[in-house]
């Protein structure tokens, strides 16, 4: 065979790999886009005005829950999780049950930051060492719930906890 034929075969093989790789990336992108959007929405609504670390921390708790086994196994499942207590529906993230939040105008800079952080946390594995995989809960530092959980850290306007109960003395 001539070198032209070898070159043509090599070119076709490379192009096939490029197409296969592009299709695989597109499939991953399609499969994860919904999860990225749910994560970005949670970051935006829970920590939109927080620092970079504050936003990462909220995203990390969301991811930790999805990986925990005691919560829904997807990010969207975690974000939209509701619990029925007596006659009341309680959302794990308050904005999900707030009809005003659903129609709230999303500001471009905070939304863009939230999307960027969602990508870094979900796709690149960005994590805050101080929280690790133990952080499963957080609340606004202005409130004082009586959860009885072990405090891990305070980052910005939120306090973060593990799922471990604190021994009562």
Foldseek 3Di string as FASTA:
>chain_A
DDVVVVVVVVVVVVVVVVVVVVVVVVVVCVVCVVLLVLQLLQLCVVPLPFDLQSSLLSSLLLCLQLVPVVFPVGSNRLQADWDDDPPDIHGLRRLNPDPCSVVDDRDDVSSVSSSVSSCCCVPVVDHDPQCPSQWNHKDFQVDDDPPQFAWRDDGGRMTTGGPHGHDDD
